Amino acid sequence: MAFKSDKVFAEIKGRINADACEKVGVVFQFDITNGAGATKSWSVDAKNSPGSVKEGANAEATCTIVIGDDEYLQLITGELDGMQAFMQGKMKIKGNMMQAMQLEGLVDQDEAKAMVAKL
């Protein structure tokens, strides 16, 4: 079973730049689980300019977000509040929890909605 989030990470890859790195300053790792129970990791380096998005884990990540594929799409579009997702157990955060708040600096919610609508 494919991951819906793959296309979103590809879009983020095209948008991450030195400005995002200056604003965010975090290396994230996302551990995404799809409906079939398969897990895929993505690393988003929004710290080391010009930034990067790569499939796979990153040893430099200081904030790892563990979330389902569908919940990830809801999170980046604003349909799912990050705090509620965490409190309801839909999302787990490993490492520096405060850095998870910096995710908002990566993708504009309106742009994210447009990306997800294309899926």
PDB file of N, CA and C in Angstrom:
ATOM      1  N   MET A   1       0.844  -1.180   0.000  1.00  0.00           N
ATOM      2  CA  MET A   1       0.000   0.000   0.000  1.00  0.00           C
ATOM      3  C   MET A   1       0.891   1.245   0.000  1.00  0.00           C
ATOM      4  N   ALA A   2       0.546   2.181  -0.826  1.00  0.00           N
ATOM      5  CA  ALA A   2       1.343   3.401  -0.972  1.00  0.00           C
ATOM      6  C   ALA A   2       1.100   4.364   0.198  1.00  0.00           C
ATOM      7  N   PHE A   3       1.962   5.323   0.284  1.00  0.00           N
ATOM      8  CA  PHE A   3       1.851   6.373   1.282  1.00  0.00           C
ATOM      9  C   PHE A   3       1.372   7.649   0.594  1.00  0.00           C
ATOM     10  N   LYS A   4       0.266   8.195   1.063  1.00  0.00           N
ATOM     11  CA  LYS A   4      -0.249   9.453   0.511  1.00  0.00           C
ATOM     12  C   LYS A   4       0.723  10.596   0.788  1.00  0.00           C
ATOM     13  N   SER A   5       1.400  10.512   1.907  1.00  0.00           N
ATOM     14  CA  SER A   5       2.308  11.585   2.324  1.00  0.00           C
ATOM     15  C   SER A   5       3.538  11.714   1.430  1.00  0.00           C
ATOM     16  N   ASP A   6       3.857  10.679   0.632  1.00  0.00           N
ATOM     17  CA  ASP A   6       5.036  10.755  -0.246  1.00  0.00           C
ATOM     18  C   ASP A   6       4.985  11.991  -1.141  1.00  0.00           C
ATOM     19  N   LYS A   7       3.817  12.247  -1.713  1.00  0.00           N
ATOM     20  CA  LYS A   7       3.684  13.392  -2.626  1.00  0.00           C
ATOM     21  C   LYS A   7       3.815  14.712  -1.876  1.00  0.00           C
ATOM     22  N   VAL A   8       3.357  14.737  -0.645  1.00  0.00           N
ATOM     23  CA  VAL A   8       3.470  15.959   0.149  1.00  0.00           C
ATOM     24  C   VAL A   8       4.933  16.237   0.479  1.00  0.00           C
ATOM     25  N   PHE A   9       5.676  15.207   0.852  1.00  0.00           N
ATOM     26  CA  PHE A   9       7.102  15.411   1.140  1.00  0.00           C
ATOM     27  C   PHE A   9       7.842  15.853  -0.117  1.00  0.00           C
ATOM     28  N   ALA A  10       7.436  15.352  -1.283  1.00  0.00           N
ATOM     29  CA  ALA A  10       8.049  15.785  -2.547  1.00  0.00           C
ATOM     30  C   ALA A  10       7.783  17.275  -2.782  1.00  0.00           C
ATOM     31  N   GLU A  11       6.583  17.723  -2.444  1.00  0.00           N
ATOM     32  CA  GLU A  11       6.249  19.149  -2.578  1.00  0.00           C
ATOM     33  C   GLU A  11       7.047  19.991  -1.587  1.00  0.00           C
ATOM     34  N   ILE A  12       7.167  19.508  -0.364  1.00  0.00           N
ATOM     35  CA  ILE A  12       7.942  20.241   0.643  1.00  0.00           C
ATOM     36  C   ILE A  12       9.386  20.367   0.175  1.00  0.00           C
ATOM     37  N   LYS A  13       9.893  19.310  -0.433  1.00  0.00           N
ATOM     38  CA  LYS A  13      11.270  19.311  -0.926  1.00  0.00           C
ATOM     39  C   LYS A  13      11.500  20.474  -1.892  1.00  0.00           C
ATOM     40  N   GLY A  14      10.504  20.747  -2.720  1.00  0.00           N
ATOM     41  CA  GLY A  14      10.628  21.837  -3.679  1.00  0.00           C
ATOM     42  C   GLY A  14      10.469  23.218  -3.067  1.00  0.00           C
ATOM     43  N   ARG A  15       9.990  23.283  -1.829  1.00  0.00           N
ATOM     44  CA  ARG A  15       9.720  24.569  -1.190  1.00  0.00           C
ATOM     45  C   ARG A  15      10.714  24.936  -0.095  1.00  0.00           C
ATOM     46  N   ILE A  16      11.430  23.956   0.407  1.00  0.00           N
ATOM     47  CA  ILE A  16      12.359  24.253   1.501  1.00  0.00           C
ATOM     48  C   ILE A  16      13.560  25.016   0.950  1.00  0.00           C
ATOM     49  N   ASN A  17      13.991  26.021   1.685  1.00  0.00           N
ATOM     50  CA  ASN A  17      15.092  26.858   1.219  1.00  0.00           C
ATOM     51  C   ASN A  17      15.803  27.496   2.403  1.00  0.00           C
ATOM     52  N   ALA A  18      16.766  28.351   2.096  1.00  0.00           N
ATOM     53  CA  ALA A  18      17.557  28.984   3.153  1.00  0.00           C
ATOM     54  C   ALA A  18      16.685  29.811   4.089  1.00  0.00           C
ATOM     55  N   ASP A  19      15.641  30.463   3.553  1.00  0.00           N
ATOM     56  CA  ASP A  19      14.746  31.257   4.407  1.00  0.00           C
ATOM     57  C   ASP A  19      14.041  30.373   5.430  1.00  0.00           C
ATOM     58  N   ALA A  20      13.569  29.204   4.980  1.00  0.00           N
ATOM     59  CA  ALA A  20      12.902  28.273   5.892  1.00  0.00           C
ATOM     60  C   ALA A  20      13.874  27.805   6.965  1.00  0.00           C
ATOM     61  N   CYS A  21      15.105  27.541   6.570  1.00  0.00           N
ATOM     62  CA  CYS A  21      16.113  27.090   7.536  1.00  0.00           C
ATOM     63  C   CYS A  21      16.382  28.164   8.589  1.00  0.00           C
ATOM     64  N   GLU A  22      16.425  29.410   8.149  1.00  0.00           N
ATOM     65  CA  GLU A  22      16.671  30.502   9.089  1.00  0.00           C
ATOM     66  C   GLU A  22      15.502  30.650  10.066  1.00  0.00           C
ATOM     67  N   LYS A  23      14.295  30.466   9.567  1.00  0.00           N
ATOM     68  CA  LYS A  23      13.088  30.640  10.375  1.00  0.00           C
ATOM     69  C   LYS A  23      12.846  29.450  11.307  1.00  0.00           C
ATOM     70  N   VAL A  24      13.076  28.221  10.806  1.00  0.00           N
ATOM     71  CA  VAL A  24      12.721  27.017  11.553  1.00  0.00           C
ATOM     72  C   VAL A  24      13.893  26.497  12.381  1.00  0.00           C
ATOM     73  N   GLY A  25      15.027  26.219  11.762  1.00  0.00           N
ATOM     74  CA  GLY A  25      16.228  25.814  12.478  1.00  0.00           C
ATOM     75  C   GLY A  25      16.180  24.467  13.170  1.00  0.00           C
ATOM     76  N   VAL A  26      15.483  23.485  12.567  1.00  0.00           N
ATOM     77  CA  VAL A  26      15.326  22.166  13.184  1.00  0.00           C
ATOM     78  C   VAL A  26      15.491  21.081  12.121  1.00  0.00           C
ATOM     79  N   VAL A  27      16.072  19.943  12.522  1.00  0.00           N
ATOM     80  CA  VAL A  27      16.071  18.747  11.677  1.00  0.00           C
ATOM     81  C   VAL A  27      14.996  17.825  12.236  1.00  0.00           C
ATOM     82  N   PHE A  28      13.979  17.580  11.421  1.00  0.00           N
ATOM     83  CA  PHE A  28      12.858  16.729  11.809  1.00  0.00           C
ATOM     84  C   PHE A  28      12.999  15.351  11.187  1.00  0.00           C
ATOM     85  N   GLN A  29      12.462  14.379  11.866  1.00  0.00           N
ATOM     86  CA  GLN A  29      12.280  13.054  11.275  1.00  0.00           C
ATOM     87  C   GLN A  29      10.804  12.710  11.442  1.00  0.00           C
ATOM     88  N   PHE A  30      10.200  12.207  10.391  1.00  0.00           N
ATOM     89  CA  PHE A  30       8.807  11.774  10.423  1.00  0.00           C
ATOM     90  C   PHE A  30       8.784  10.272  10.212  1.00  0.00           C
ATOM     91  N   ASP A  31       8.174   9.555  11.135  1.00  0.00           N
ATOM     92  CA  ASP A  31       7.954   8.121  10.990  1.00  0.00           C
ATOM     93  C   ASP A  31       6.466   7.956  10.708  1.00  0.00           C
ATOM     94  N   ILE A  32       6.150   7.672   9.446  1.00  0.00           N
ATOM     95  CA  ILE A  32       4.772   7.624   8.973  1.00  0.00           C
ATOM     96  C   ILE A  32       4.340   6.176   8.810  1.00  0.00           C
ATOM     97  N   THR A  33       3.164   5.832   9.331  1.00  0.00           N
ATOM     98  CA  THR A  33       2.620   4.479   9.201  1.00  0.00           C
ATOM     99  C   THR A  33       1.350   4.548   8.358  1.00  0.00           C
ATOM    100  N   ASN A  34       1.284   3.691   7.318  1.00  0.00           N
ATOM    101  CA  ASN A  34       0.096   3.703   6.458  1.00  0.00           C
ATOM    102  C   ASN A  34      -0.949   2.717   6.971  1.00  0.00           C
ATOM    103  N   GLY A  35      -2.064   2.615   6.257  1.00  0.00           N
ATOM    104  CA  GLY A  35      -3.172   1.766   6.676  1.00  0.00           C
ATOM    105  C   GLY A  35      -2.839   0.290   6.725  1.00  0.00           C
ATOM    106  N   ALA A  36      -1.823  -0.125   5.981  1.00  0.00           N
ATOM    107  CA  ALA A  36      -1.412  -1.534   5.965  1.00  0.00           C
ATOM    108  C   ALA A  36      -0.432  -1.855   7.085  1.00  0.00           C
ATOM    109  N   GLY A  37      -0.042  -0.834   7.861  1.00  0.00           N
ATOM    110  CA  GLY A  37       0.876  -1.048   8.977  1.00  0.00           C
ATOM    111  C   GLY A  37       2.345  -0.887   8.623  1.00  0.00           C
ATOM    112  N   ALA A  38       2.635  -0.543   7.354  1.00  0.00           N
ATOM    113  CA  ALA A  38       4.019  -0.310   6.945  1.00  0.00           C
ATOM    114  C   ALA A  38       4.455   1.071   7.425  1.00  0.00           C
ATOM    115  N   THR A  39       5.733   1.204   7.768  1.00  0.00           N
ATOM    116  CA  THR A  39       6.266   2.478   8.246  1.00  0.00           C
ATOM    117  C   THR A  39       7.374   2.957   7.321  1.00  0.00           C
ATOM    118  N   LYS A  40       7.361   4.251   7.060  1.00  0.00           N
ATOM    119  CA  LYS A  40       8.394   4.892   6.237  1.00  0.00           C
ATOM    120  C   LYS A  40       8.865   6.137   6.973  1.00  0.00           C
ATOM    121  N   SER A  41      10.163   6.371   6.936  1.00  0.00           N
ATOM    122  CA  SER A  41      10.727   7.558   7.579  1.00  0.00           C
ATOM    123  C   SER A  41      11.122   8.586   6.526  1.00  0.00           C
ATOM    124  N   TRP A  42      10.948   9.836   6.886  1.00  0.00           N
ATOM    125  CA  TRP A  42      11.390  10.967   6.073  1.00  0.00           C
ATOM    126  C   TRP A  42      12.161  11.910   6.987  1.00  0.00           C
ATOM    127  N   SER A  43      13.199  12.525   6.468  1.00  0.00           N
ATOM    128  CA  SER A  43      13.902  13.547   7.238  1.00  0.00           C
ATOM    129  C   SER A  43      13.758  14.875   6.509  1.00  0.00           C
ATOM    130  N   VAL A  44      13.469  15.894   7.292  1.00  0.00           N
ATOM    131  CA  VAL A  44      13.333  17.249   6.769  1.00  0.00           C
ATOM    132  C   VAL A  44      14.354  18.104   7.510  1.00  0.00           C
ATOM    133  N   ASP A  45      15.388  18.496   6.779  1.00  0.00           N
ATOM    134  CA  ASP A  45      16.441  19.324   7.365  1.00  0.00           C
ATOM    135  C   ASP A  45      16.096  20.783   7.108  1.00  0.00           C
ATOM    136  N   ALA A  46      15.528  21.413   8.103  1.00  0.00           N
ATOM    137  CA  ALA A  46      15.194  22.830   8.023  1.00  0.00           C
ATOM    138  C   ALA A  46      16.127  23.605   8.948  1.00  0.00           C
ATOM    139  N   LYS A  47      17.371  23.129   9.010  1.00  0.00           N
ATOM    140  CA  LYS A  47      18.379  23.765   9.858  1.00  0.00           C
ATOM    141  C   LYS A  47      19.611  24.135   9.042  1.00  0.00           C
ATOM    142  N   ASN A  48      20.131  23.162   8.303  1.00  0.00           N
ATOM    143  CA  ASN A  48      21.366  23.342   7.550  1.00  0.00           C
ATOM    144  C   ASN A  48      21.041  23.843   6.145  1.00  0.00           C
ATOM    145  N   SER A  49      21.293  25.110   5.916  1.00  0.00           N
ATOM    146  CA  SER A  49      20.948  25.755   4.648  1.00  0.00           C
ATOM    147  C   SER A  49      21.648  25.068   3.480  1.00  0.00           C
ATOM    148  N   PRO A  50      20.983  24.837   2.377  1.00  0.00           N
ATOM    149  CA  PRO A  50      19.670  25.348   1.970  1.00  0.00           C
ATOM    150  C   PRO A  50      18.503  24.449   2.369  1.00  0.00           C
ATOM    151  N   GLY A  51      18.744  23.434   3.176  1.00  0.00           N
ATOM    152  CA  GLY A  51      17.677  22.533   3.607  1.00  0.00           C
ATOM    153  C   GLY A  51      17.525  21.361   2.659  1.00  0.00           C
ATOM    154  N   SER A  52      16.847  20.323   3.147  1.00  0.00           N
ATOM    155  CA  SER A  52      16.638  19.145   2.305  1.00  0.00           C
ATOM    156  C   SER A  52      15.500  18.306   2.860  1.00  0.00           C
ATOM    157  N   VAL A  53      14.952  17.478   1.980  1.00  0.00           N
ATOM    158  CA  VAL A  53      13.935  16.501   2.344  1.00  0.00           C
ATOM    159  C   VAL A  53      14.376  15.194   1.719  1.00  0.00           C
ATOM    160  N   LYS A  54      14.538  14.163   2.548  1.00  0.00           N
ATOM    161  CA  LYS A  54      15.026  12.876   2.057  1.00  0.00           C
ATOM    162  C   LYS A  54      14.244  11.743   2.687  1.00  0.00           C
ATOM    163  N   GLU A  55      14.053  10.707   1.905  1.00  0.00           N
ATOM    164  CA  GLU A  55      13.438   9.506   2.456  1.00  0.00           C
ATOM    165  C   GLU A  55      14.471   8.816   3.333  1.00  0.00           C
ATOM    166  N   GLY A  56      14.040   8.390   4.509  1.00  0.00           N
ATOM    167  CA  GLY A  56      14.932   7.697   5.429  1.00  0.00           C
ATOM    168  C   GLY A  56      15.154   8.497   6.699  1.00  0.00           C
ATOM    169  N   ALA A  57      15.714   7.837   7.677  1.00  0.00           N
ATOM    170  CA  ALA A  57      15.987   8.446   8.977  1.00  0.00           C
ATOM    171  C   ALA A  57      17.187   9.378   8.881  1.00  0.00           C
ATOM    172  N   ASN A  58      17.307  10.274   9.857  1.00  0.00           N
ATOM    173  CA  ASN A  58      18.425  11.207   9.921  1.00  0.00           C
ATOM    174  C   ASN A  58      18.943  11.223  11.354  1.00  0.00           C
ATOM    175  N   ALA A  59      20.201  10.859  11.531  1.00  0.00           N
ATOM    176  CA  ALA A  59      20.798  10.802  12.866  1.00  0.00           C
ATOM    177  C   ALA A  59      20.867  12.178  13.523  1.00  0.00           C
ATOM    178  N   GLU A  60      20.803  13.261  12.726  1.00  0.00           N
ATOM    179  CA  GLU A  60      20.869  14.613  13.266  1.00  0.00           C
ATOM    180  C   GLU A  60      19.523  15.124  13.763  1.00  0.00           C
ATOM    181  N   ALA A  61      18.453  14.376  13.513  1.00  0.00           N
ATOM    182  CA  ALA A  61      17.116  14.833  13.904  1.00  0.00           C
ATOM    183  C   ALA A  61      17.038  15.012  15.414  1.00  0.00           C
ATOM    184  N   THR A  62      16.506  16.152  15.819  1.00  0.00           N
ATOM    185  CA  THR A  62      16.317  16.419  17.243  1.00  0.00           C
ATOM    186  C   THR A  62      14.839  16.365  17.623  1.00  0.00           C
ATOM    187  N   CYS A  63      13.980  16.162  16.613  1.00  0.00           N
ATOM    188  CA  CYS A  63      12.542  16.048  16.852  1.00  0.00           C
ATOM    189  C   CYS A  63      11.983  15.014  15.878  1.00  0.00           C
ATOM    190  N   THR A  64      11.483  13.918  16.415  1.00  0.00           N
ATOM    191  CA  THR A  64      10.898  12.862  15.586  1.00  0.00           C
ATOM    192  C   THR A  64       9.401  12.811  15.852  1.00  0.00           C
ATOM    193  N   ILE A  65       8.645  12.840  14.765  1.00  0.00           N
ATOM    194  CA  ILE A  65       7.188  12.809  14.849  1.00  0.00           C
ATOM    195  C   ILE A  65       6.713  11.475  14.303  1.00  0.00           C
ATOM    196  N   VAL A  66       5.988  10.739  15.119  1.00  0.00           N
ATOM    197  CA  VAL A  66       5.450   9.433  14.758  1.00  0.00           C
ATOM    198  C   VAL A  66       3.949   9.623  14.571  1.00  0.00           C
ATOM    199  N   ILE A  67       3.466   9.352  13.349  1.00  0.00           N
ATOM    200  CA  ILE A  67       2.078   9.665  13.026  1.00  0.00           C
ATOM    201  C   ILE A  67       1.604   8.791  11.870  1.00  0.00           C
ATOM    202  N   GLY A  68       0.315   8.582  11.783  1.00  0.00           N
ATOM    203  CA  GLY A  68      -0.270   7.842  10.673  1.00  0.00           C
ATOM    204  C   GLY A  68      -0.287   8.695   9.414  1.00  0.00           C
ATOM    205  N   ASP A  69      -0.346   8.038   8.269  1.00  0.00           N
ATOM    206  CA  ASP A  69      -0.333   8.710   6.974  1.00  0.00           C
ATOM    207  C   ASP A  69      -1.509   9.690   6.852  1.00  0.00           C
ATOM    208  N   ASP A  70      -2.714   9.223   7.132  1.00  0.00           N
ATOM    209  CA  ASP A  70      -3.894  10.088   7.028  1.00  0.00           C
ATOM    210  C   ASP A  70      -3.835  11.227   8.032  1.00  0.00           C
ATOM    211  N   GLU A  71      -3.401  10.938   9.242  1.00  0.00           N
ATOM    212  CA  GLU A  71      -3.311  11.970  10.277  1.00  0.00           C
ATOM    213  C   GLU A  71      -2.268  13.034   9.914  1.00  0.00           C
ATOM    214  N   TYR A  72      -1.193  12.606   9.254  1.00  0.00           N
ATOM    215  CA  TYR A  72      -0.176  13.572   8.816  1.00  0.00           C
ATOM    216  C   TYR A  72      -0.785  14.565   7.829  1.00  0.00           C
ATOM    217  N   LEU A  73      -1.569  14.054   6.887  1.00  0.00           N
ATOM    218  CA  LEU A  73      -2.205  14.940   5.911  1.00  0.00           C
ATOM    219  C   LEU A  73      -3.164  15.906   6.607  1.00  0.00           C
ATOM    220  N   GLN A  74      -3.903  15.401   7.584  1.00  0.00           N
ATOM    221  CA  GLN A  74      -4.825  16.264   8.335  1.00  0.00           C
ATOM    222  C   GLN A  74      -4.053  17.306   9.139  1.00  0.00           C
ATOM    223  N   LEU A  75      -2.907  16.920   9.677  1.00  0.00           N
ATOM    224  CA  LEU A  75      -2.089  17.825  10.485  1.00  0.00           C
ATOM    225  C   LEU A  75      -1.568  18.990   9.651  1.00  0.00           C
ATOM    226  N   ILE A  76      -1.009  18.696   8.483  1.00  0.00           N
ATOM    227  CA  ILE A  76      -0.401  19.788   7.707  1.00  0.00           C
ATOM    228  C   ILE A  76      -1.435  20.693   7.051  1.00  0.00           C
ATOM    229  N   THR A  77      -2.662  20.193   6.882  1.00  0.00           N
ATOM    230  CA  THR A  77      -3.707  21.039   6.298  1.00  0.00           C
ATOM    231  C   THR A  77      -4.477  21.813   7.357  1.00  0.00           C
ATOM    232  N   GLY A  78      -4.196  21.546   8.623  1.00  0.00           N
ATOM    233  CA  GLY A  78      -4.880  22.253   9.694  1.00  0.00           C
ATOM    234  C   GLY A  78      -6.186  21.610  10.122  1.00  0.00           C
ATOM    235  N   GLU A  79      -6.536  20.483   9.506  1.00  0.00           N
ATOM    236  CA  GLU A  79      -7.759  19.786   9.892  1.00  0.00           C
ATOM    237  C   GLU A  79      -7.601  19.087  11.240  1.00  0.00           C
ATOM    238  N   LEU A  80      -6.358  18.814  11.611  1.00  0.00           N
ATOM    239  CA  LEU A  80      -6.053  18.169  12.886  1.00  0.00           C
ATOM    240  C   LEU A  80      -5.076  19.071  13.632  1.00  0.00           C
ATOM    241  N   ASP A  81      -5.460  19.493  14.804  1.00  0.00           N
ATOM    242  CA  ASP A  81      -4.605  20.322  15.639  1.00  0.00           C
ATOM    243  C   ASP A  81      -3.498  19.460  16.239  1.00  0.00           C
ATOM    244  N   GLY A  82      -2.269  19.942  16.164  1.00  0.00           N
ATOM    245  CA  GLY A  82      -1.134  19.185  16.660  1.00  0.00           C
ATOM    246  C   GLY A  82      -1.236  18.821  18.132  1.00  0.00           C
ATOM    247  N   MET A  83      -1.678  19.746  18.949  1.00  0.00           N
ATOM    248  CA  MET A  83      -1.813  19.482  20.379  1.00  0.00           C
ATOM    249  C   MET A  83      -2.885  18.423  20.627  1.00  0.00           C
ATOM    250  N   GLN A  84      -4.006  18.533  19.923  1.00  0.00           N
ATOM    251  CA  GLN A  84      -5.068  17.539  20.078  1.00  0.00           C
ATOM    252  C   GLN A  84      -4.581  16.165  19.603  1.00  0.00           C
ATOM    253  N   ALA A  85      -3.859  16.143  18.485  1.00  0.00           N
ATOM    254  CA  ALA A  85      -3.340  14.877  17.967  1.00  0.00           C
ATOM    255  C   ALA A  85      -2.427  14.222  18.996  1.00  0.00           C
ATOM    256  N   PHE A  86      -1.591  15.026  19.631  1.00  0.00           N
ATOM    257  CA  PHE A  86      -0.677  14.509  20.651  1.00  0.00           C
ATOM    258  C   PHE A  86      -1.451  13.990  21.857  1.00  0.00           C
ATOM    259  N   MET A  87      -2.394  14.792  22.334  1.00  0.00           N
ATOM    260  CA  MET A  87      -3.152  14.412  23.529  1.00  0.00           C
ATOM    261  C   MET A  87      -4.034  13.183  23.298  1.00  0.00           C
ATOM    262  N   GLN A  88      -4.512  13.008  22.061  1.00  0.00           N
ATOM    263  CA  GLN A  88      -5.370  11.873  21.731  1.00  0.00           C
ATOM    264  C   GLN A  88      -4.560  10.635  21.337  1.00  0.00           C
ATOM    265  N   GLY A  89      -3.241  10.744  21.328  1.00  0.00           N
ATOM    266  CA  GLY A  89      -2.391   9.613  20.986  1.00  0.00           C
ATOM    267  C   GLY A  89      -2.281   9.348  19.492  1.00  0.00           C
ATOM    268  N   LYS A  90      -2.744  10.273  18.663  1.00  0.00           N
ATOM    269  CA  LYS A  90      -2.651  10.116  17.208  1.00  0.00           C
ATOM    270  C   LYS A  90      -1.265  10.481  16.698  1.00  0.00           C
ATOM    271  N   MET A  91      -0.500  11.178  17.537  1.00  0.00           N
ATOM    272  CA  MET A  91       0.842  11.597  17.173  1.00  0.00           C
ATOM    273  C   MET A  91       1.724  11.479  18.402  1.00  0.00           C
ATOM    274  N   LYS A  92       2.917  10.955  18.196  1.00  0.00           N
ATOM    275  CA  LYS A  92       3.900  10.883  19.276  1.00  0.00           C
ATOM    276  C   LYS A  92       5.092  11.732  18.861  1.00  0.00           C
ATOM    277  N   ILE A  93       5.725  12.333  19.837  1.00  0.00           N
ATOM    278  CA  ILE A  93       6.897  13.161  19.581  1.00  0.00           C
ATOM    279  C   ILE A  93       8.039  12.620  20.409  1.00  0.00           C
ATOM    280  N   LYS A  94       9.149  12.364  19.735  1.00  0.00           N
ATOM    281  CA  LYS A  94      10.370  11.919  20.413  1.00  0.00           C
ATOM    282  C   LYS A  94      11.393  13.037  20.295  1.00  0.00           C
ATOM    283  N   GLY A  95      12.098  13.286  21.366  1.00  0.00           N
ATOM    284  CA  GLY A  95      13.099  14.343  21.338  1.00  0.00           C
ATOM    285  C   GLY A  95      12.524  15.644  21.855  1.00  0.00           C
ATOM    286  N   ASN A  96      12.933  16.740  21.248  1.00  0.00           N
ATOM    287  CA  ASN A  96      12.564  18.069  21.698  1.00  0.00           C
ATOM    288  C   ASN A  96      11.135  18.409  21.261  1.00  0.00           C
ATOM    289  N   MET A  97      10.213  18.334  22.203  1.00  0.00           N
ATOM    290  CA  MET A  97       8.799  18.575  21.904  1.00  0.00           C
ATOM    291  C   MET A  97       8.534  20.015  21.472  1.00  0.00           C
ATOM    292  N   MET A  98       9.265  20.952  22.001  1.00  0.00           N
ATOM    293  CA  MET A  98       9.055  22.356  21.641  1.00  0.00           C
ATOM    294  C   MET A  98       9.373  22.603  20.170  1.00  0.00           C
ATOM    295  N   GLN A  99      10.296  21.835  19.633  1.00  0.00           N
ATOM    296  CA  GLN A  99      10.653  22.020  18.230  1.00  0.00           C
ATOM    297  C   GLN A  99       9.520  21.609  17.294  1.00  0.00           C
ATOM    298  N   ALA A 100       8.646  20.735  17.744  1.00  0.00           N
ATOM    299  CA  ALA A 100       7.512  20.314  16.914  1.00  0.00           C
ATOM    300  C   ALA A 100       6.646  21.520  16.546  1.00  0.00           C
ATOM    301  N   MET A 101       6.635  22.517  17.392  1.00  0.00           N
ATOM    302  CA  MET A 101       5.846  23.722  17.115  1.00  0.00           C
ATOM    303  C   MET A 101       6.399  24.488  15.913  1.00  0.00           C
ATOM    304  N   GLN A 102       7.644  24.254  15.578  1.00  0.00           N
ATOM    305  CA  GLN A 102       8.262  24.945  14.443  1.00  0.00           C
ATOM    306  C   GLN A 102       7.776  24.404  13.098  1.00  0.00           C
ATOM    307  N   LEU A 103       7.020  23.324  13.109  1.00  0.00           N
ATOM    308  CA  LEU A 103       6.511  22.746  11.863  1.00  0.00           C
ATOM    309  C   LEU A 103       5.687  23.739  11.059  1.00  0.00           C
ATOM    310  N   GLU A 104       5.015  24.627  11.752  1.00  0.00           N
ATOM    311  CA  GLU A 104       4.183  25.602  11.066  1.00  0.00           C
ATOM    312  C   GLU A 104       4.979  26.465  10.106  1.00  0.00           C
ATOM    313  N   GLY A 105       6.274  26.614  10.354  1.00  0.00           N
ATOM    314  CA  GLY A 105       7.108  27.431   9.478  1.00  0.00           C
ATOM    315  C   GLY A 105       7.508  26.744   8.191  1.00  0.00           C
ATOM    316  N   LEU A 106       7.192  25.462   8.055  1.00  0.00           N
ATOM    317  CA  LEU A 106       7.600  24.720   6.863  1.00  0.00           C
ATOM    318  C   LEU A 106       6.625  24.837   5.703  1.00  0.00           C
ATOM    319  N   VAL A 107       5.348  24.694   5.977  1.00  0.00           N
ATOM    320  CA  VAL A 107       4.360  24.664   4.901  1.00  0.00           C
ATOM    321  C   VAL A 107       3.160  25.522   5.282  1.00  0.00           C
ATOM    322  N   ASP A 108       2.781  26.398   4.397  1.00  0.00           N
ATOM    323  CA  ASP A 108       1.580  27.193   4.579  1.00  0.00           C
ATOM    324  C   ASP A 108       0.367  26.264   4.486  1.00  0.00           C
ATOM    325  N   GLN A 109      -0.605  26.415   5.395  1.00  0.00           N
ATOM    326  CA  GLN A 109      -1.752  25.500   5.420  1.00  0.00           C
ATOM    327  C   GLN A 109      -2.571  25.562   4.136  1.00  0.00           C
ATOM    328  N   ASP A 110      -2.711  26.732   3.536  1.00  0.00           N
ATOM    329  CA  ASP A 110      -3.460  26.829   2.280  1.00  0.00           C
ATOM    330  C   ASP A 110      -2.730  26.084   1.162  1.00  0.00           C
ATOM    331  N   GLU A 111      -1.406  26.201   1.135  1.00  0.00           N
ATOM    332  CA  GLU A 111      -0.619  25.458   0.148  1.00  0.00           C
ATOM    333  C   GLU A 111      -0.742  23.958   0.399  1.00  0.00           C
ATOM    334  N   ALA A 112      -0.734  23.573   1.677  1.00  0.00           N
ATOM    335  CA  ALA A 112      -0.862  22.160   2.030  1.00  0.00           C
ATOM    336  C   ALA A 112      -2.214  21.616   1.583  1.00  0.00           C
ATOM    337  N   LYS A 113      -3.276  22.394   1.775  1.00  0.00           N
ATOM    338  CA  LYS A 113      -4.604  21.955   1.346  1.00  0.00           C
ATOM    339  C   LYS A 113      -4.641  21.737  -0.160  1.00  0.00           C
ATOM    340  N   ALA A 114      -3.991  22.633  -0.899  1.00  0.00           N
ATOM    341  CA  ALA A 114      -3.931  22.492  -2.356  1.00  0.00           C
ATOM    342  C   ALA A 114      -3.155  21.229  -2.741  1.00  0.00           C
ATOM    343  N   MET A 115      -2.058  20.958  -2.028  1.00  0.00           N
ATOM    344  CA  MET A 115      -1.260  19.738  -2.299  1.00  0.00           C
ATOM    345  C   MET A 115      -2.103  18.493  -2.057  1.00  0.00           C
ATOM    346  N   VAL A 116      -2.790  18.453  -0.935  1.00  0.00           N
ATOM    347  CA  VAL A 116      -3.574  17.270  -0.550  1.00  0.00           C
ATOM    348  C   VAL A 116      -4.759  17.088  -1.496  1.00  0.00           C
ATOM    349  N   ALA A 117      -5.332  18.171  -1.973  1.00  0.00           N
ATOM    350  CA  ALA A 117      -6.466  18.095  -2.893  1.00  0.00           C
ATOM    351  C   ALA A 117      -6.077  17.400  -4.202  1.00  0.00           C
ATOM    352  N   LYS A 118      -4.790  17.466  -4.564  1.00  0.00           N
ATOM    353  CA  LYS A 118      -4.304  16.837  -5.797  1.00  0.00           C
ATOM    354  C   LYS A 118      -4.145  15.322  -5.663  1.00  0.00           C
ATOM    355  N   LEU A 119      -4.162  14.816  -4.437  1.00  0.00           N
ATOM    356  CA  LEU A 119      -3.905  13.384  -4.220  1.00  0.00           C
ATOM    357  C   LEU A 119      -5.024  12.513  -4.732  1.00  0.00           C
TER     358      LEU A 119
END
